[in-house]
């Protein structure tokens, strides 16, 4: 069985940040019947974020209630939405890679797991899709 990295890890001064079950309409798919229309997808993002405030040398940052010291999930969700509606993508794998790249653009993100699911492909399956993990 493949080992997966821990996202929140005190020894590495990392926190876990996530976006759960972002459901949107997307233009996605390789088949002719998938072109020219949208279909529902669900996106999940899990990020391992370096937490400078947890390091002993930066104790002055602990407890500071300042947005700039954390990854802004509102910015991340809005950027993900823009990416998803930007145009037709053939593969869920391609969309997952683009979302991972978007998350890793913030230097504090050390690792990201992205899951992209198409929700209405088969009537007898809740979803089909892909999950990837990328590291800085």
N, C-alpha and C. Protein backbone atom coordinates (compact mmCIF):
# COMPACT_ATOMS: atom_id res chain seq x y z
N UNK A 1 0.83 -1.18 0.00
CA UNK A 1 0.00 0.00 0.00
C UNK A 1 0.89 1.25 0.00
N UNK A 2 0.48 2.25 -0.76
CA UNK A 2 1.26 3.47 -0.88
C UNK A 2 1.08 4.33 0.38
N UNK A 3 2.19 4.86 0.89
CA UNK A 3 2.15 5.73 2.06
C UNK A 3 1.87 7.16 1.60
N UNK A 4 1.00 7.85 2.33
CA UNK A 4 0.73 9.24 2.01
C UNK A 4 1.28 10.13 3.12
N UNK A 5 1.69 11.29 2.76
CA UNK A 5 2.28 12.23 3.71
C UNK A 5 1.22 12.78 4.64
N UNK A 6 1.63 13.10 5.85
CA UNK A 6 0.75 13.78 6.79
C UNK A 6 0.68 15.24 6.40
N UNK A 7 -0.50 15.78 6.39
CA UNK A 7 -0.66 17.17 5.99
C UNK A 7 -0.40 18.12 7.15
N UNK A 8 -0.95 17.82 8.32
CA UNK A 8 -0.65 18.60 9.52
C UNK A 8 0.42 17.84 10.29
N UNK A 9 1.50 18.51 10.62
CA UNK A 9 2.63 17.83 11.25
C UNK A 9 3.37 18.82 12.15
N UNK A 10 3.26 18.63 13.46
CA UNK A 10 3.91 19.54 14.40
C UNK A 10 5.43 19.53 14.25
N UNK A 11 6.00 18.36 13.98
CA UNK A 11 7.46 18.27 13.85
C UNK A 11 7.97 19.11 12.68
N UNK A 12 7.16 19.28 11.65
CA UNK A 12 7.55 20.07 10.49
C UNK A 12 6.95 21.49 10.53
N UNK A 13 6.25 21.81 11.61
CA UNK A 13 5.56 23.11 11.73
C UNK A 13 4.63 23.35 10.54
N UNK A 14 3.78 22.35 10.30
CA UNK A 14 2.82 22.45 9.19
C UNK A 14 1.41 22.33 9.70
N UNK A 15 0.54 23.12 9.09
CA UNK A 15 -0.89 23.01 9.36
C UNK A 15 -1.58 22.47 8.12
N UNK A 16 -2.75 21.93 8.32
CA UNK A 16 -3.56 21.43 7.21
C UNK A 16 -4.65 22.45 6.92
N UNK A 17 -4.77 22.79 5.68
CA UNK A 17 -5.84 23.66 5.21
C UNK A 17 -6.61 22.89 4.16
N UNK A 18 -7.90 23.05 4.11
CA UNK A 18 -8.67 22.28 3.13
C UNK A 18 -9.87 23.04 2.61
N UNK A 19 -10.29 22.62 1.43
CA UNK A 19 -11.54 23.05 0.82
C UNK A 19 -12.30 21.77 0.53
N UNK A 20 -13.47 21.64 1.11
CA UNK A 20 -14.25 20.42 0.99
C UNK A 20 -15.45 20.60 0.07
N UNK A 21 -15.58 19.69 -0.86
CA UNK A 21 -16.80 19.53 -1.66
C UNK A 21 -17.27 20.80 -2.36
N UNK A 22 -16.36 21.43 -3.08
CA UNK A 22 -16.71 22.55 -3.94
C UNK A 22 -17.37 21.96 -5.19
N UNK A 23 -18.66 22.19 -5.34
CA UNK A 23 -19.41 21.63 -6.47
C UNK A 23 -19.71 22.75 -7.45
N UNK A 24 -19.34 22.50 -8.70
CA UNK A 24 -19.50 23.50 -9.75
C UNK A 24 -19.88 22.83 -11.07
N UNK A 25 -20.33 23.65 -11.98
CA UNK A 25 -20.52 23.23 -13.36
C UNK A 25 -19.21 23.48 -14.11
N UNK A 26 -18.76 22.49 -14.86
CA UNK A 26 -17.50 22.62 -15.60
C UNK A 26 -17.69 22.08 -17.01
N UNK A 27 -16.93 22.67 -17.92
CA UNK A 27 -16.87 22.13 -19.28
C UNK A 27 -15.68 21.17 -19.31
N UNK A 28 -16.00 19.89 -19.26
CA UNK A 28 -14.95 18.89 -19.11
C UNK A 28 -15.38 17.60 -19.80
N UNK A 29 -14.42 16.93 -20.42
CA UNK A 29 -14.69 15.62 -21.00
C UNK A 29 -14.10 15.46 -22.39
N UNK A 30 -13.79 14.22 -22.74
CA UNK A 30 -13.19 13.92 -24.03
C UNK A 30 -14.22 13.51 -25.08
N UNK A 31 -15.36 13.05 -24.64
CA UNK A 31 -16.37 12.53 -25.58
C UNK A 31 -17.17 13.65 -26.24
N UNK A 32 -17.61 13.40 -27.44
CA UNK A 32 -18.35 14.41 -28.21
C UNK A 32 -19.57 14.92 -27.44
N UNK A 33 -20.28 14.02 -26.77
CA UNK A 33 -21.48 14.45 -26.03
C UNK A 33 -21.15 15.32 -24.82
N UNK A 34 -19.86 15.42 -24.44
CA UNK A 34 -19.45 16.26 -23.32
C UNK A 34 -19.02 17.66 -23.76
N UNK A 35 -18.88 17.85 -25.05
CA UNK A 35 -18.46 19.15 -25.57
C UNK A 35 -19.69 20.05 -25.74
N UNK A 36 -19.49 21.34 -25.50
CA UNK A 36 -20.58 22.30 -25.68
C UNK A 36 -21.59 22.30 -24.54
N UNK A 37 -21.28 21.65 -23.45
CA UNK A 37 -22.19 21.66 -22.30
C UNK A 37 -21.36 21.57 -21.01
N UNK A 38 -22.00 21.78 -19.92
CA UNK A 38 -21.31 21.65 -18.63
C UNK A 38 -21.80 20.40 -17.92
N UNK A 39 -21.01 19.98 -16.97
CA UNK A 39 -21.44 18.89 -16.09
C UNK A 39 -20.91 19.16 -14.69
N UNK A 40 -21.59 18.58 -13.72
CA UNK A 40 -21.22 18.84 -12.33
C UNK A 40 -19.93 18.11 -11.96
N UNK A 41 -19.08 18.86 -11.26
CA UNK A 41 -17.87 18.27 -10.70
C UNK A 41 -17.80 18.65 -9.22
N UNK A 42 -17.04 17.86 -8.48
CA UNK A 42 -16.77 18.16 -7.08
C UNK A 42 -15.26 18.20 -6.92
N UNK A 43 -14.76 19.26 -6.25
CA UNK A 43 -13.33 19.45 -6.04
C UNK A 43 -13.05 19.47 -4.54
N UNK A 44 -12.02 18.74 -4.16
CA UNK A 44 -11.51 18.78 -2.80
C UNK A 44 -10.03 19.11 -2.86
N UNK A 45 -9.61 20.04 -2.00
CA UNK A 45 -8.22 20.44 -1.91
C UNK A 45 -7.76 20.24 -0.47
N UNK A 46 -6.63 19.58 -0.30
CA UNK A 46 -5.98 19.43 1.00
C UNK A 46 -4.56 19.96 0.85
N UNK A 47 -4.18 20.90 1.71
CA UNK A 47 -2.87 21.52 1.61
C UNK A 47 -2.09 21.37 2.91
N UNK A 48 -0.82 21.06 2.79
CA UNK A 48 0.11 21.12 3.91
C UNK A 48 0.79 22.47 3.80
N UNK A 49 0.55 23.31 4.80
CA UNK A 49 1.01 24.69 4.76
C UNK A 49 2.07 24.91 5.84
N UNK A 50 3.22 25.42 5.44
CA UNK A 50 4.25 25.77 6.41
C UNK A 50 3.71 26.86 7.32
N UNK A 51 3.84 26.61 8.60
CA UNK A 51 3.27 27.49 9.62
C UNK A 51 4.41 28.18 10.36
N UNK A 52 4.86 29.30 9.83
CA UNK A 52 5.97 30.03 10.45
C UNK A 52 5.68 30.42 11.89
N UNK A 53 4.44 30.65 12.21
CA UNK A 53 4.07 31.03 13.57
C UNK A 53 4.27 29.92 14.58
N UNK A 54 4.43 28.68 14.14
CA UNK A 54 4.61 27.56 15.07
C UNK A 54 6.07 27.30 15.38
N UNK A 55 6.96 27.94 14.66
CA UNK A 55 8.39 27.72 14.88
C UNK A 55 8.85 28.53 16.09
N UNK A 56 9.72 27.94 16.91
CA UNK A 56 10.19 28.64 18.12
C UNK A 56 10.79 30.01 17.84
N UNK A 57 11.46 30.19 16.71
CA UNK A 57 12.10 31.48 16.42
C UNK A 57 11.08 32.55 16.05
N UNK A 58 9.84 32.17 15.81
CA UNK A 58 8.83 33.15 15.42
C UNK A 58 7.67 33.19 16.41
N UNK A 59 7.93 32.93 17.65
CA UNK A 59 6.87 32.89 18.65
C UNK A 59 6.05 34.18 18.69
N UNK A 60 6.65 35.30 18.30
CA UNK A 60 5.91 36.54 18.30
C UNK A 60 4.73 36.50 17.34
N UNK A 61 4.77 35.60 16.36
CA UNK A 61 3.68 35.51 15.39
C UNK A 61 2.52 34.66 15.91
N UNK A 62 2.78 33.81 16.91
CA UNK A 62 1.72 32.94 17.42
C UNK A 62 0.61 33.80 18.01
N UNK A 63 -0.59 33.50 17.61
CA UNK A 63 -1.74 34.22 18.13
C UNK A 63 -2.06 35.51 17.40
N UNK A 64 -1.20 35.92 16.49
CA UNK A 64 -1.49 37.13 15.71
C UNK A 64 -2.64 36.81 14.77
N UNK A 65 -3.67 37.56 14.86
CA UNK A 65 -4.88 37.33 14.09
C UNK A 65 -4.81 38.14 12.80
N UNK A 66 -3.85 37.75 11.94
CA UNK A 66 -3.56 38.53 10.74
C UNK A 66 -3.65 37.61 9.52
N UNK A 67 -4.48 38.00 8.58
CA UNK A 67 -4.72 37.18 7.39
C UNK A 67 -3.45 36.91 6.59
N UNK A 68 -2.54 37.85 6.54
CA UNK A 68 -1.35 37.68 5.70
C UNK A 68 -0.42 36.57 6.19
N UNK A 69 -0.59 36.10 7.41
CA UNK A 69 0.29 35.03 7.90
C UNK A 69 -0.24 33.63 7.59
N UNK A 70 -1.38 33.56 6.92
CA UNK A 70 -1.96 32.27 6.56
C UNK A 70 -2.33 32.27 5.07
N UNK A 71 -2.56 31.08 4.53
CA UNK A 71 -3.07 30.97 3.16
C UNK A 71 -4.55 31.32 3.21
N UNK A 72 -4.95 32.24 2.39
CA UNK A 72 -6.33 32.75 2.37
C UNK A 72 -7.21 31.79 1.56
N UNK A 73 -8.08 31.06 2.24
CA UNK A 73 -8.91 30.09 1.52
C UNK A 73 -9.93 30.75 0.61
N UNK A 74 -10.35 31.99 0.93
CA UNK A 74 -11.27 32.68 0.03
C UNK A 74 -10.59 32.96 -1.31
N UNK A 75 -9.36 33.44 -1.25
CA UNK A 75 -8.59 33.68 -2.48
C UNK A 75 -8.40 32.38 -3.25
N UNK A 76 -8.08 31.32 -2.55
CA UNK A 76 -7.85 30.02 -3.18
C UNK A 76 -9.12 29.50 -3.87
N UNK A 77 -10.25 29.59 -3.19
CA UNK A 77 -11.52 29.12 -3.77
C UNK A 77 -11.90 29.96 -4.98
N UNK A 78 -11.75 31.27 -4.88
CA UNK A 78 -12.08 32.13 -6.02
C UNK A 78 -11.17 31.85 -7.21
N UNK A 79 -9.89 31.63 -6.96
CA UNK A 79 -8.95 31.31 -8.05
C UNK A 79 -9.29 29.95 -8.66
N UNK A 80 -9.67 28.99 -7.84
CA UNK A 80 -10.07 27.67 -8.35
C UNK A 80 -11.32 27.79 -9.21
N UNK A 81 -12.28 28.57 -8.77
CA UNK A 81 -13.50 28.79 -9.57
C UNK A 81 -13.16 29.39 -10.93
N UNK A 82 -12.30 30.40 -10.93
CA UNK A 82 -11.90 31.04 -12.19
C UNK A 82 -11.24 30.04 -13.12
N UNK A 83 -10.36 29.22 -12.58
CA UNK A 83 -9.66 28.22 -13.38
C UNK A 83 -10.65 27.23 -13.99
N UNK A 84 -11.61 26.80 -13.19
CA UNK A 84 -12.58 25.78 -13.64
C UNK A 84 -13.47 26.31 -14.76
N UNK A 85 -13.85 27.57 -14.71
CA UNK A 85 -14.75 28.11 -15.73
C UNK A 85 -14.00 28.73 -16.92
N UNK A 86 -12.67 28.67 -16.91
CA UNK A 86 -11.86 29.34 -17.93
C UNK A 86 -12.02 28.74 -19.33
N UNK A 87 -12.40 27.49 -19.44
CA UNK A 87 -12.54 26.87 -20.75
C UNK A 87 -12.66 25.37 -20.63
N UNK A 88 -12.87 24.74 -21.76
CA UNK A 88 -13.05 23.29 -21.78
C UNK A 88 -11.73 22.57 -21.48
N UNK A 89 -11.81 21.57 -20.62
CA UNK A 89 -10.69 20.71 -20.30
C UNK A 89 -11.13 19.29 -20.62
N UNK A 90 -10.29 18.54 -21.28
CA UNK A 90 -10.69 17.19 -21.66
C UNK A 90 -10.63 16.20 -20.50
N UNK A 91 -9.57 16.27 -19.69
CA UNK A 91 -9.34 15.24 -18.68
C UNK A 91 -9.45 15.79 -17.27
N UNK A 92 -10.05 15.00 -16.37
CA UNK A 92 -10.07 15.38 -14.96
C UNK A 92 -8.64 15.45 -14.42
N UNK A 93 -7.76 14.62 -14.97
CA UNK A 93 -6.35 14.65 -14.57
C UNK A 93 -5.71 16.00 -14.87
N UNK A 94 -6.01 16.56 -16.02
CA UNK A 94 -5.48 17.87 -16.40
C UNK A 94 -5.99 18.95 -15.45
N UNK A 95 -7.27 18.92 -15.15
CA UNK A 95 -7.83 19.90 -14.23
C UNK A 95 -7.20 19.75 -12.84
N UNK A 96 -7.01 18.53 -12.39
CA UNK A 96 -6.37 18.30 -11.08
C UNK A 96 -4.95 18.87 -11.07
N UNK A 97 -4.20 18.66 -12.13
CA UNK A 97 -2.83 19.19 -12.20
C UNK A 97 -2.83 20.72 -12.17
N UNK A 98 -3.76 21.33 -12.88
CA UNK A 98 -3.83 22.79 -12.89
C UNK A 98 -4.20 23.34 -11.50
N UNK A 99 -5.10 22.65 -10.83
CA UNK A 99 -5.47 23.08 -9.48
C UNK A 99 -4.30 22.92 -8.51
N UNK A 100 -3.55 21.83 -8.66
CA UNK A 100 -2.37 21.63 -7.81
C UNK A 100 -1.35 22.74 -8.04
N UNK A 101 -1.14 23.08 -9.29
CA UNK A 101 -0.21 24.17 -9.63
C UNK A 101 -0.66 25.49 -9.01
N UNK A 102 -1.95 25.73 -9.06
CA UNK A 102 -2.52 26.94 -8.46
C UNK A 102 -2.23 26.98 -6.96
N UNK A 103 -2.43 25.88 -6.28
CA UNK A 103 -2.19 25.82 -4.83
C UNK A 103 -0.72 25.99 -4.50
N UNK A 104 0.14 25.38 -5.27
CA UNK A 104 1.58 25.44 -5.01
C UNK A 104 2.20 26.79 -5.37
N UNK A 105 1.42 27.66 -6.01
CA UNK A 105 1.92 29.00 -6.33
C UNK A 105 2.21 29.80 -5.06
N UNK A 106 1.54 29.48 -3.97
CA UNK A 106 1.84 30.11 -2.68
C UNK A 106 3.03 29.37 -2.09
N UNK A 107 4.12 30.07 -1.83
CA UNK A 107 5.37 29.45 -1.38
C UNK A 107 5.23 28.70 -0.07
N UNK A 108 4.20 29.02 0.72
CA UNK A 108 4.00 28.34 2.00
C UNK A 108 3.39 26.96 1.86
N UNK A 109 2.83 26.66 0.70
CA UNK A 109 2.20 25.35 0.48
C UNK A 109 3.30 24.36 0.09
N UNK A 110 3.49 23.37 0.95
CA UNK A 110 4.55 22.37 0.73
C UNK A 110 4.03 21.16 -0.03
N UNK A 111 2.76 20.86 0.13
CA UNK A 111 2.17 19.67 -0.47
C UNK A 111 0.69 19.93 -0.68
N UNK A 112 0.15 19.39 -1.76
CA UNK A 112 -1.28 19.53 -2.01
C UNK A 112 -1.83 18.20 -2.53
N UNK A 113 -3.01 17.86 -2.07
CA UNK A 113 -3.78 16.74 -2.62
C UNK A 113 -5.02 17.34 -3.27
N UNK A 114 -5.25 16.94 -4.49
CA UNK A 114 -6.40 17.45 -5.24
C UNK A 114 -7.24 16.27 -5.69
N UNK A 115 -8.52 16.35 -5.44
CA UNK A 115 -9.46 15.33 -5.93
C UNK A 115 -10.48 16.04 -6.81
N UNK A 116 -10.65 15.55 -8.02
CA UNK A 116 -11.65 16.07 -8.95
C UNK A 116 -12.56 14.90 -9.32
N UNK A 117 -13.86 15.11 -9.13
CA UNK A 117 -14.83 14.06 -9.41
C UNK A 117 -15.91 14.58 -10.36
N UNK A 118 -16.26 13.78 -11.34
CA UNK A 118 -17.42 14.05 -12.19
C UNK A 118 -18.58 13.32 -11.53
N UNK A 119 -19.68 14.04 -11.30
CA UNK A 119 -20.75 13.51 -10.45
C UNK A 119 -21.88 12.81 -11.18
N UNK A 120 -22.03 13.02 -12.46
CA UNK A 120 -23.22 12.50 -13.15
C UNK A 120 -22.88 11.62 -14.34
N UNK A 121 -21.76 10.90 -14.28
CA UNK A 121 -21.34 10.08 -15.41
C UNK A 121 -22.13 8.79 -15.49
N UNK A 122 -22.24 8.09 -14.39
CA UNK A 122 -22.95 6.80 -14.35
C UNK A 122 -24.09 6.88 -13.33
N UNK A 123 -25.26 6.44 -13.70
CA UNK A 123 -26.39 6.54 -12.77
C UNK A 123 -26.21 5.67 -11.52
N UNK A 124 -25.39 4.65 -11.61
CA UNK A 124 -25.22 3.75 -10.47
C UNK A 124 -23.90 3.98 -9.72
N UNK A 125 -23.23 5.12 -9.97
CA UNK A 125 -22.01 5.48 -9.25
C UNK A 125 -22.14 6.93 -8.79
N UNK A 126 -21.77 7.18 -7.54
CA UNK A 126 -21.85 8.54 -7.02
C UNK A 126 -20.91 9.48 -7.77
N UNK A 127 -19.72 8.97 -8.12
CA UNK A 127 -18.75 9.83 -8.79
C UNK A 127 -17.64 8.98 -9.41
N UNK A 128 -16.96 9.59 -10.39
CA UNK A 128 -15.72 9.04 -10.94
C UNK A 128 -14.73 10.19 -11.00
N UNK A 129 -13.46 9.87 -10.87
CA UNK A 129 -12.51 10.96 -10.91
C UNK A 129 -11.10 10.53 -10.60
N UNK A 130 -10.33 11.48 -10.10
CA UNK A 130 -8.91 11.26 -9.84
C UNK A 130 -8.49 12.05 -8.61
N UNK A 131 -7.49 11.53 -7.93
CA UNK A 131 -6.86 12.24 -6.83
C UNK A 131 -5.37 12.22 -7.08
N UNK A 132 -4.74 13.40 -6.94
CA UNK A 132 -3.28 13.49 -7.11
C UNK A 132 -2.68 14.16 -5.88
N UNK A 133 -1.39 13.94 -5.72
CA UNK A 133 -0.63 14.61 -4.67
C UNK A 133 0.62 15.18 -5.32
N UNK A 134 0.87 16.46 -5.04
CA UNK A 134 2.06 17.12 -5.58
C UNK A 134 2.78 17.84 -4.45
N UNK A 135 4.12 17.84 -4.54
CA UNK A 135 4.94 18.51 -3.53
C UNK A 135 5.75 19.62 -4.18
N UNK A 136 6.12 20.55 -3.36
CA UNK A 136 6.99 21.63 -3.79
C UNK A 136 8.35 21.05 -4.04
